[in-house]
Structures are given as structure tokens and as C-alpha cells.
Amino acid sequence: MSFRHLDRYAGVPSPVTRLAPSARVLATVVLALAAALLPLGAWPQMAGLTLVVLGIAVAARMPVRVLAVRLAPPLVFVLLVSAALPVLVPGTTVAHIGPLSLSDAGLLRFGSVLGRALPALAAAVVLVSTLRFTELVQALRDLRLPRAVTTALGLAYRYLYILTDEVEQLQRAARSRNAGAGAASRRRLLMGIAAASLGRSFARSERVHQAMLARGYRDGIPALRPQPMDRRSLSALAIVCAVALGIAWTAHL
């Protein structure tokens, strides 16, 4: 079975991983909210929020190189989505790229989108890299997210690797039989693998449901190692909130 964990640094002892999961989730939300509240062109504040997130990553003993690698895909997505802003937003023309004209207002908005997205996405990457998924689900449950949603998330994560392993087994079996040699055969093979995986998933879900009911399941999955909010977590959350919202407030002065 192949495991590709995102939470590789969740087991590394650090001041961040010792905090309550709910405090870390709230801190990430506050950092993202502070980034969203920044006005256009607030470059020092954007850089300040980014430095705060980098400091949290260093405190969590997460290498900056790993943070940059994991941050690249969502940042590239934001870059592609907002790439048309310098052309579409009206303003004074500052440059020409072929038939396209770049406006100063469009470049300002484009840079501000990237500047806001950088600390928010970096905070999310640090969160998922230093928090186990089970702890994240428990934190969402502590924050009063509907129990049906948290239970579905927990079960989906537990069986994601099993379903992935079954798909890989079907692919290996097909390759060992030299299936899918041509383009048409490959399409039929992929459709067959998808259909077989879907059928196995429905059958497994029914068996799992019956097994859970037989073991007394009622309305939720209990946490094995609950980590409630303590004084240290509250203090760290208050510091992050004060710093992040203070940076956002200075941008509006």
C-alpha cells in the first residue's frame, strides 16, 4: 500500500505541535482573514504576515524548502487564475505585450492578489503539514462543525489509502496481462478499472456500515487522544491573533 502523507511533520516535537489542534486551526483562519483584510498595495503588511507564517514554520521545525515546494502548486493556481487582471482591469497603460496593454491598476490588483494569497496559503500548508488528519477532524468537531461532516471526513481519510491500493492492484493486474496496448483498449481498461473500483467501494461501505452498527456505533467516532484547549494554547492563539490583526490594522491607518 502506498502512503503519501502530507502531515509528515506532525510527529516532530516542537512548540507548535504541542498546541491544541483547535488553536492551530483558529490561528490559521485568523492569518487567512488578516491577509484578506489587507488593502491593495499594502506590501509591508503582506511581507509582515508572510514572515509571521515563516516564523511559525521554523518553530514547527518544518524546513523552509519543504514549505516552498508544497506552496508552489496552489500559488501557481492563483497565479494562473489572476493572470488576466493586468489586462482586464482599466487604468493607465504602463507596458505593452504584443497586442495586450498592461494597466497600472491591473498590475496593482494582480500583485495584491498574490501578496494576500502567499501568507494565507502558507499558513494552510503549515497547518496540514504539522497536524494529523485525525486531529484536524477532532479540532473541527471541537469547533462545532456538524458531526455528520466530521464523521464523513474521518471515514473518507481512513479508507482513502485502501481504495487507492485497490486501484493500484487492478492496474498492476491489467499491466501483467498486457491489457490496454492501444488507445481504444486503454480507454476501455480505464473505464473497467473505474467501474470495478466503484463497485468495490459500495460493497465495502456497506460492510463497514454493518460492522460499525454491530460494534455499537451511534452518532460519531470518539477521539483516541483528545487534546483540549489549554492555557498555553490559548496564549499562543491570542499572540497570533494580536500580531496578525495588528498588522492588518496598520494597513488601514
C-alpha atoms as a PDB file:
ATOM      1  CA  MET A   1       0.000   0.000   0.000  1.00  0.00           C
ATOM      2  CA  SER A   2       1.323   3.426  -0.927  1.00  0.00           C
ATOM      3  CA  PHE A   3       1.309   6.153   1.716  1.00  0.00           C
ATOM      4  CA  ARG A   4       1.812   9.771   0.715  1.00  0.00           C
ATOM      5  CA  HIS A   5       1.326  11.659   3.929  1.00  0.00           C
ATOM      6  CA  LEU A   6       1.025  15.411   3.989  1.00  0.00           C
ATOM      7  CA  ASP A   7       1.325  15.559   7.790  1.00  0.00           C
ATOM      8  CA  ARG A   8       4.942  14.414   7.761  1.00  0.00           C
ATOM      9  CA  TYR A   9       5.988  16.884  10.472  1.00  0.00           C
ATOM     10  CA  ALA A  10       3.050  16.257  12.807  1.00  0.00           C
ATOM     11  CA  GLY A  11       5.137  13.859  14.900  1.00  0.00           C
ATOM     12  CA  VAL A  12       8.127  16.195  15.215  1.00  0.00           C
ATOM     13  CA  PRO A  13       8.268  17.584  18.781  1.00  0.00           C
ATOM     14  CA  SER A  14       8.021  21.366  18.600  1.00  0.00           C
ATOM     15  CA  PRO A  15       6.272  24.272  20.315  1.00  0.00           C
ATOM     16  CA  VAL A  16       3.668  24.239  17.521  1.00  0.00           C
ATOM     17  CA  THR A  17       2.803  20.533  17.616  1.00  0.00           C
ATOM     18  CA  ARG A  18       2.326  20.700  21.388  1.00  0.00           C
ATOM     19  CA  LEU A  19      -0.549  23.167  20.995  1.00  0.00           C
ATOM     20  CA  ALA A  20      -4.178  22.083  20.856  1.00  0.00           C
ATOM     21  CA  PRO A  21      -5.380  21.283  17.304  1.00  0.00           C
ATOM     22  CA  SER A  22      -8.341  23.638  17.616  1.00  0.00           C
ATOM     23  CA  ALA A  23      -5.996  26.512  18.488  1.00  0.00           C
ATOM     24  CA  ARG A  24      -3.885  25.818  15.412  1.00  0.00           C
ATOM     25  CA  VAL A  25      -6.952  25.708  13.160  1.00  0.00           C
ATOM     26  CA  LEU A  26      -8.224  29.003  14.560  1.00  0.00           C
ATOM     27  CA  ALA A  27      -4.796  30.605  14.168  1.00  0.00           C
ATOM     28  CA  THR A  28      -4.720  29.578  10.507  1.00  0.00           C
ATOM     29  CA  VAL A  29      -8.181  31.047   9.955  1.00  0.00           C
ATOM     30  CA  VAL A  30      -7.140  34.312  11.616  1.00  0.00           C
ATOM     31  CA  LEU A  31      -3.999  34.561   9.472  1.00  0.00           C
ATOM     32  CA  ALA A  32      -6.020  33.988   6.313  1.00  0.00           C
ATOM     33  CA  LEU A  33      -8.618  36.536   7.439  1.00  0.00           C
ATOM     34  CA  ALA A  34      -5.922  39.109   8.189  1.00  0.00           C
ATOM     35  CA  ALA A  35      -4.448  38.581   4.719  1.00  0.00           C
ATOM     36  CA  ALA A  36      -7.874  39.020   3.120  1.00  0.00           C
ATOM     37  CA  LEU A  37      -8.435  42.291   5.016  1.00  0.00           C
ATOM     38  CA  LEU A  38      -5.291  43.918   3.630  1.00  0.00           C
ATOM     39  CA  PRO A  39      -5.966  46.720   1.131  1.00  0.00           C
ATOM     40  CA  LEU A  40      -4.440  46.913  -2.318  1.00  0.00           C
ATOM     41  CA  GLY A  41      -0.740  47.688  -2.307  1.00  0.00           C
ATOM     42  CA  ALA A  42      -0.129  47.007   1.404  1.00  0.00           C
ATOM     43  CA  TRP A  43       3.249  45.451   0.619  1.00  0.00           C
ATOM     44  CA  PRO A  44       4.903  45.861   4.056  1.00  0.00           C
ATOM     45  CA  GLN A  45       1.914  44.266   5.785  1.00  0.00           C
ATOM     46  CA  MET A  46       1.831  41.391   3.283  1.00  0.00           C
ATOM     47  CA  ALA A  47       5.526  40.805   3.864  1.00  0.00           C
ATOM     48  CA  GLY A  48       4.957  41.002   7.625  1.00  0.00           C
ATOM     49  CA  LEU A  49       2.252  38.342   7.566  1.00  0.00           C
ATOM     50  CA  THR A  50       4.463  36.135   5.406  1.00  0.00           C
ATOM     51  CA  LEU A  51       7.295  36.490   7.927  1.00  0.00           C
ATOM     52  CA  VAL A  52       4.912  35.527  10.732  1.00  0.00           C
ATOM     53  CA  VAL A  53       3.963  32.339   8.888  1.00  0.00           C
ATOM     54  CA  LEU A  54       7.630  31.589   8.189  1.00  0.00           C
ATOM     55  CA  GLY A  55       8.349  32.020  11.879  1.00  0.00           C
ATOM     56  CA  ILE A  56       5.604  29.528  12.724  1.00  0.00           C
ATOM     57  CA  ALA A  57       7.058  27.063  10.203  1.00  0.00           C
ATOM     58  CA  VAL A  58      10.506  27.421  11.749  1.00  0.00           C
ATOM     59  CA  ALA A  59       9.039  26.950  15.225  1.00  0.00           C
ATOM     60  CA  ALA A  60       7.341  23.777  13.957  1.00  0.00           C
ATOM     61  CA  ARG A  61      10.756  22.570  12.659  1.00  0.00           C
ATOM     62  CA  MET A  62       9.433  22.420   9.128  1.00  0.00           C
ATOM     63  CA  PRO A  63      12.143  23.121   6.529  1.00  0.00           C
ATOM     64  CA  VAL A  64      11.501  26.252   4.509  1.00  0.00           C
ATOM     65  CA  ARG A  65      12.416  24.319   1.349  1.00  0.00           C
ATOM     66  CA  VAL A  66       9.612  21.840   2.007  1.00  0.00           C
ATOM     67  CA  LEU A  67       7.229  24.706   2.666  1.00  0.00           C
ATOM     68  CA  ALA A  68       8.183  26.310  -0.653  1.00  0.00           C
ATOM     69  CA  VAL A  69       7.730  23.038  -2.565  1.00  0.00           C
ATOM     70  CA  ARG A  70       4.290  22.392  -1.068  1.00  0.00           C
ATOM     71  CA  LEU A  71       3.261  26.010  -1.513  1.00  0.00           C
ATOM     72  CA  ALA A  72       4.171  26.115  -5.201  1.00  0.00           C
ATOM     73  CA  PRO A  73       1.132  24.232  -6.694  1.00  0.00           C
ATOM     74  CA  PRO A  74      -1.630  26.324  -5.034  1.00  0.00           C
ATOM     75  CA  LEU A  75       0.334  29.515  -5.642  1.00  0.00           C
ATOM     76  CA  VAL A  76       0.716  28.653  -9.321  1.00  0.00           C
ATOM     77  CA  PHE A  77      -3.046  28.059  -9.474  1.00  0.00           C
ATOM     78  CA  VAL A  78      -3.690  31.526  -8.014  1.00  0.00           C
ATOM     79  CA  LEU A  79      -1.182  32.965 -10.483  1.00  0.00           C
ATOM     80  CA  LEU A  80      -2.962  31.387 -13.443  1.00  0.00           C
ATOM     81  CA  VAL A  81      -6.414  32.443 -12.251  1.00  0.00           C
ATOM     82  CA  SER A  82      -5.382  36.073 -11.755  1.00  0.00           C
ATOM     83  CA  ALA A  83      -3.039  36.335 -14.753  1.00  0.00           C
ATOM     84  CA  ALA A  84      -5.619  38.285 -16.782  1.00  0.00           C
ATOM     85  CA  LEU A  85      -6.028  41.064 -14.214  1.00  0.00           C
ATOM     86  CA  PRO A  86      -3.271  43.337 -15.610  1.00  0.00           C
ATOM     87  CA  VAL A  87      -5.075  43.303 -18.964  1.00  0.00           C
ATOM     88  CA  LEU A  88      -8.734  43.360 -17.905  1.00  0.00           C
ATOM     89  CA  VAL A  89      -8.629  45.991 -15.131  1.00  0.00           C
ATOM     90  CA  PRO A  90      -8.881  49.501 -16.649  1.00  0.00           C
ATOM     91  CA  GLY A  91      -6.199  52.026 -15.840  1.00  0.00           C
ATOM     92  CA  THR A  92      -3.190  53.864 -17.191  1.00  0.00           C
ATOM     93  CA  THR A  93      -1.214  51.773 -19.667  1.00  0.00           C
ATOM     94  CA  VAL A  94       2.315  51.128 -18.430  1.00  0.00           C
ATOM     95  CA  ALA A  95       3.517  48.429 -20.839  1.00  0.00           C
ATOM     96  CA  HIS A  96       2.597  46.512 -23.952  1.00  0.00           C
ATOM     97  CA  ILE A  97       2.991  42.783 -24.564  1.00  0.00           C
ATOM     98  CA  GLY A  98       2.156  42.309 -28.217  1.00  0.00           C
ATOM     99  CA  PRO A  99      -1.446  43.368 -28.713  1.00  0.00           C
ATOM    100  CA  LEU A 100      -2.105  43.400 -24.949  1.00  0.00           C
ATOM    101  CA  SER A 101      -1.868  46.505 -22.769  1.00  0.00           C
ATOM    102  CA  LEU A 102      -0.950  46.279 -19.111  1.00  0.00           C
ATOM    103  CA  SER A 103      -2.535  48.852 -16.804  1.00  0.00           C
ATOM    104  CA  ASP A 104      -1.136  50.153 -13.541  1.00  0.00           C
ATOM    105  CA  ALA A 105      -4.364  49.344 -11.695  1.00  0.00           C
ATOM    106  CA  GLY A 106      -4.344  45.823 -13.094  1.00  0.00           C
ATOM    107  CA  LEU A 107      -0.747  45.218 -12.030  1.00  0.00           C
ATOM    108  CA  LEU A 108      -1.540  46.590  -8.588  1.00  0.00           C
ATOM    109  CA  ARG A 109      -4.504  44.242  -8.211  1.00  0.00           C
ATOM    110  CA  PHE A 110      -2.516  41.304  -9.585  1.00  0.00           C
ATOM    111  CA  GLY A 111       0.326  41.862  -7.142  1.00  0.00           C
ATOM    112  CA  SER A 112      -2.084  42.348  -4.255  1.00  0.00           C
ATOM    113  CA  VAL A 113      -3.849  39.059  -5.022  1.00  0.00           C
ATOM    114  CA  LEU A 114      -0.530  37.213  -4.907  1.00  0.00           C
ATOM    115  CA  GLY A 115       0.578  39.111  -1.817  1.00  0.00           C
ATOM    116  CA  ARG A 116      -2.615  38.189   0.040  1.00  0.00           C
ATOM    117  CA  ALA A 117      -2.587  34.587  -1.142  1.00  0.00           C
ATOM    118  CA  LEU A 118       1.023  33.922  -0.128  1.00  0.00           C
ATOM    119  CA  PRO A 119       0.632  34.143   3.694  1.00  0.00           C
ATOM    120  CA  ALA A 120      -2.843  32.570   3.669  1.00  0.00           C
ATOM    121  CA  LEU A 121      -1.775  29.560   1.604  1.00  0.00           C
ATOM    122  CA  ALA A 122       1.484  29.231   3.514  1.00  0.00           C
ATOM    123  CA  ALA A 123      -0.434  29.118   6.806  1.00  0.00           C
ATOM    124  CA  ALA A 124      -2.695  26.386   5.413  1.00  0.00           C
ATOM    125  CA  VAL A 125       0.323  24.380   4.214  1.00  0.00           C
ATOM    126  CA  VAL A 126       1.960  24.632   7.644  1.00  0.00           C
ATOM    127  CA  LEU A 127      -1.293  23.505   9.262  1.00  0.00           C
ATOM    128  CA  VAL A 128      -1.775  20.373   7.149  1.00  0.00           C
ATOM    129  CA  SER A 129       1.938  19.542   7.382  1.00  0.00           C
ATOM    130  CA  THR A 130       2.097  19.683  11.179  1.00  0.00           C
ATOM    131  CA  LEU A 131      -1.378  18.419  12.133  1.00  0.00           C
ATOM    132  CA  ARG A 132      -2.572  14.840  11.736  1.00  0.00           C
ATOM    133  CA  PHE A 133      -5.805  14.480   9.846  1.00  0.00           C
ATOM    134  CA  THR A 134      -7.476  12.775  12.791  1.00  0.00           C
ATOM    135  CA  GLU A 135      -6.506  15.740  14.972  1.00  0.00           C
ATOM    136  CA  LEU A 136      -7.846  18.115  12.334  1.00  0.00           C
ATOM    137  CA  VAL A 137     -11.179  16.300  12.320  1.00  0.00           C
ATOM    138  CA  GLN A 138     -11.294  16.421  16.114  1.00  0.00           C
ATOM    139  CA  ALA A 139     -10.485  20.143  16.037  1.00  0.00           C
ATOM    140  CA  LEU A 140     -13.329  20.777  13.592  1.00  0.00           C
ATOM    141  CA  ARG A 141     -15.604  18.785  15.878  1.00  0.00           C
ATOM    142  CA  ASP A 142     -14.497  20.878  18.879  1.00  0.00           C
ATOM    143  CA  LEU A 143     -15.263  24.000  16.836  1.00  0.00           C
ATOM    144  CA  ARG A 144     -18.859  22.772  16.457  1.00  0.00           C
ATOM    145  CA  LEU A 145     -18.718  21.643  12.844  1.00  0.00           C
ATOM    146  CA  PRO A 146     -21.669  19.271  12.218  1.00  0.00           C
ATOM    147  CA  ARG A 147     -20.873  15.780  13.469  1.00  0.00           C
ATOM    148  CA  ALA A 148     -22.043  14.185  10.219  1.00  0.00           C
ATOM    149  CA  VAL A 149     -19.451  16.221   8.296  1.00  0.00           C
ATOM    150  CA  THR A 150     -16.563  15.394  10.629  1.00  0.00           C
ATOM    151  CA  THR A 151     -17.502  11.707  10.675  1.00  0.00           C
ATOM    152  CA  ALA A 152     -17.609  11.596   6.879  1.00  0.00           C
ATOM    153  CA  LEU A 153     -14.218  13.318   6.666  1.00  0.00           C
ATOM    154  CA  GLY A 154     -12.685  10.891   9.154  1.00  0.00           C
ATOM    155  CA  LEU A 155     -14.015   7.804   7.384  1.00  0.00           C
ATOM    156  CA  ALA A 156     -13.007   9.144   3.966  1.00  0.00           C
ATOM    157  CA  TYR A 157      -9.439   9.667   5.135  1.00  0.00           C
ATOM    158  CA  ARG A 158      -9.237   6.234   6.752  1.00  0.00           C
ATOM    159  CA  TYR A 159     -10.358   4.426   3.604  1.00  0.00           C
ATOM    160  CA  LEU A 160      -8.688   6.647   1.027  1.00  0.00           C
ATOM    161  CA  TYR A 161      -5.479   4.620   1.165  1.00  0.00           C
ATOM    162  CA  ILE A 162      -7.369   1.328   0.975  1.00  0.00           C
ATOM    163  CA  LEU A 163      -9.274   2.396  -2.121  1.00  0.00           C
ATOM    164  CA  THR A 164      -6.081   3.753  -3.695  1.00  0.00           C
ATOM    165  CA  ASP A 165      -4.375   0.436  -3.018  1.00  0.00           C
ATOM    166  CA  GLU A 166      -7.236  -1.461  -4.694  1.00  0.00           C
ATOM    167  CA  VAL A 167      -6.972   0.731  -7.796  1.00  0.00           C
ATOM    168  CA  GLU A 168      -3.213   0.104  -7.925  1.00  0.00           C
ATOM    169  CA  GLN A 169      -3.801  -3.642  -7.630  1.00  0.00           C
ATOM    170  CA  LEU A 170      -6.241  -3.548 -10.573  1.00  0.00           C
ATOM    171  CA  GLN A 171      -3.733  -1.553 -12.625  1.00  0.00           C
ATOM    172  CA  ARG A 172      -0.911  -3.984 -11.853  1.00  0.00           C
ATOM    173  CA  ALA A 173      -3.130  -6.926 -12.772  1.00  0.00           C
ATOM    174  CA  ALA A 174      -4.036  -5.277 -16.076  1.00  0.00           C
ATOM    175  CA  ARG A 175      -0.392  -4.480 -16.894  1.00  0.00           C
ATOM    176  CA  SER A 176       0.701  -8.036 -16.072  1.00  0.00           C
ATOM    177  CA  ARG A 177      -1.806  -9.290 -18.652  1.00  0.00           C
ATOM    178  CA  ASN A 178      -0.618  -6.759 -21.260  1.00  0.00           C
ATOM    179  CA  ALA A 179      -4.016  -5.065 -21.274  1.00  0.00           C
ATOM    180  CA  GLY A 180      -4.559  -1.654 -22.804  1.00  0.00           C
ATOM    181  CA  ALA A 181      -1.985  -1.895 -25.583  1.00  0.00           C
ATOM    182  CA  GLY A 182      -3.789   0.578 -27.865  1.00  0.00           C
ATOM    183  CA  ALA A 183      -5.554   3.878 -27.239  1.00  0.00           C
ATOM    184  CA  ALA A 184      -9.045   2.360 -27.505  1.00  0.00           C
ATOM    185  CA  SER A 185      -8.062  -0.602 -25.340  1.00  0.00           C
ATOM    186  CA  ARG A 186      -6.559   1.763 -22.769  1.00  0.00           C
ATOM    187  CA  ARG A 187      -9.804   3.739 -22.559  1.00  0.00           C
ATOM    188  CA  ARG A 188     -11.830   0.559 -22.091  1.00  0.00           C
ATOM    189  CA  LEU A 189      -9.345  -0.584 -19.473  1.00  0.00           C
ATOM    190  CA  LEU A 190      -9.621   2.669 -17.514  1.00  0.00           C
ATOM    191  CA  MET A 191     -13.414   2.516 -17.639  1.00  0.00           C
ATOM    192  CA  GLY A 192     -13.331  -1.075 -16.425  1.00  0.00           C
ATOM    193  CA  ILE A 193     -10.970  -0.206 -13.561  1.00  0.00           C
ATOM    194  CA  ALA A 194     -13.168   2.749 -12.571  1.00  0.00           C
ATOM    195  CA  ALA A 195     -16.322   0.603 -12.641  1.00  0.00           C
ATOM    196  CA  ALA A 196     -14.695  -2.190 -10.633  1.00  0.00           C
ATOM    197  CA  SER A 197     -13.333   0.274  -8.072  1.00  0.00           C
ATOM    198  CA  LEU A 198     -16.738   1.930  -7.706  1.00  0.00           C
ATOM    199  CA  GLY A 199     -18.451  -1.436  -7.191  1.00  0.00           C
ATOM    200  CA  ARG A 200     -15.889  -2.500  -4.604  1.00  0.00           C
ATOM    201  CA  SER A 201     -16.231   0.843  -2.823  1.00  0.00           C
ATOM    202  CA  PHE A 202     -20.025   0.495  -2.497  1.00  0.00           C
ATOM    203  CA  ALA A 203     -19.706  -3.086  -1.273  1.00  0.00           C
ATOM    204  CA  ARG A 204     -17.003  -2.141   1.232  1.00  0.00           C
ATOM    205  CA  SER A 205     -19.008   0.815   2.532  1.00  0.00           C
ATOM    206  CA  GLU A 206     -21.995  -1.442   3.200  1.00  0.00           C
ATOM    207  CA  ARG A 207     -19.830  -3.966   5.056  1.00  0.00           C
ATOM    208  CA  VAL A 208     -18.169  -1.204   7.074  1.00  0.00           C
ATOM    209  CA  HIS A 209     -21.562   0.265   7.997  1.00  0.00           C
ATOM    210  CA  GLN A 210     -22.871  -3.081   9.183  1.00  0.00           C
ATOM    211  CA  ALA A 211     -19.686  -3.708  11.182  1.00  0.00           C
ATOM    212  CA  MET A 212     -19.912  -0.271  12.832  1.00  0.00           C
ATOM    213  CA  LEU A 213     -23.540  -0.852  13.832  1.00  0.00           C
ATOM    214  CA  ALA A 214     -22.630  -4.283  15.233  1.00  0.00           C
ATOM    215  CA  ARG A 215     -19.968  -2.636  17.417  1.00  0.00           C
ATOM    216  CA  GLY A 216     -22.312  -0.057  18.896  1.00  0.00           C
ATOM    217  CA  TYR A 217     -21.779   2.922  16.607  1.00  0.00           C
ATOM    218  CA  ARG A 218     -24.364   5.641  17.099  1.00  0.00           C
ATOM    219  CA  ASP A 219     -23.535   9.220  16.126  1.00  0.00           C
ATOM    220  CA  GLY A 220     -19.790   9.790  15.943  1.00  0.00           C
ATOM    221  CA  ILE A 221     -16.271   8.391  16.133  1.00  0.00           C
ATOM    222  CA  PRO A 222     -14.684   9.007  19.554  1.00  0.00           C
ATOM    223  CA  ALA A 223     -11.218  10.535  19.727  1.00  0.00           C
ATOM    224  CA  LEU A 224      -8.480   8.219  20.960  1.00  0.00           C
ATOM    225  CA  ARG A 225      -6.220  11.009  22.270  1.00  0.00           C
ATOM    226  CA  PRO A 226      -8.292  14.171  22.746  1.00  0.00           C
ATOM    227  CA  GLN A 227      -6.240  17.322  23.211  1.00  0.00           C
ATOM    228  CA  PRO A 228      -8.478  20.074  24.574  1.00  0.00           C
ATOM    229  CA  MET A 229      -7.677  23.751  24.580  1.00  0.00           C
ATOM    230  CA  ASP A 230      -5.316  24.587  27.453  1.00  0.00           C
ATOM    231  CA  ARG A 231      -3.808  27.795  28.780  1.00  0.00           C
ATOM    232  CA  ARG A 232      -0.672  27.518  26.668  1.00  0.00           C
ATOM    233  CA  SER A 233      -2.711  27.038  23.501  1.00  0.00           C
ATOM    234  CA  LEU A 234      -4.953  29.974  24.377  1.00  0.00           C
ATOM    235  CA  SER A 235      -1.928  32.181  24.966  1.00  0.00           C
ATOM    236  CA  ALA A 236      -0.324  31.207  21.655  1.00  0.00           C
ATOM    237  CA  LEU A 237      -3.616  31.756  19.826  1.00  0.00           C
ATOM    238  CA  ALA A 238      -4.027  35.182  21.429  1.00  0.00           C
ATOM    239  CA  ILE A 239      -0.495  36.184  20.381  1.00  0.00           C
ATOM    240  CA  VAL A 240      -1.013  35.092  16.773  1.00  0.00           C
ATOM    241  CA  CYS A 241      -4.391  36.865  16.622  1.00  0.00           C
ATOM    242  CA  ALA A 242      -2.952  40.062  18.081  1.00  0.00           C
ATOM    243  CA  VAL A 243       0.015  40.098  15.710  1.00  0.00           C
ATOM    244  CA  ALA A 244      -1.975  39.197  12.578  1.00  0.00           C
ATOM    245  CA  LEU A 245      -4.868  41.576  13.220  1.00  0.00           C
ATOM    246  CA  GLY A 246      -2.437  44.278  14.348  1.00  0.00           C
ATOM    247  CA  ILE A 247      -0.601  44.019  11.025  1.00  0.00           C
ATOM    248  CA  ALA A 248      -3.908  44.213   9.152  1.00  0.00           C
ATOM    249  CA  TRP A 249      -4.977  47.222  11.247  1.00  0.00           C
ATOM    250  CA  THR A 250      -1.773  49.161  10.487  1.00  0.00           C
ATOM    251  CA  ALA A 251      -2.538  48.815   6.772  1.00  0.00           C
ATOM    252  CA  HIS A 252      -5.745  50.831   7.214  1.00  0.00           C
ATOM    253  CA  LEU A 253      -4.173  53.716   9.137  1.00  0.00           C
END
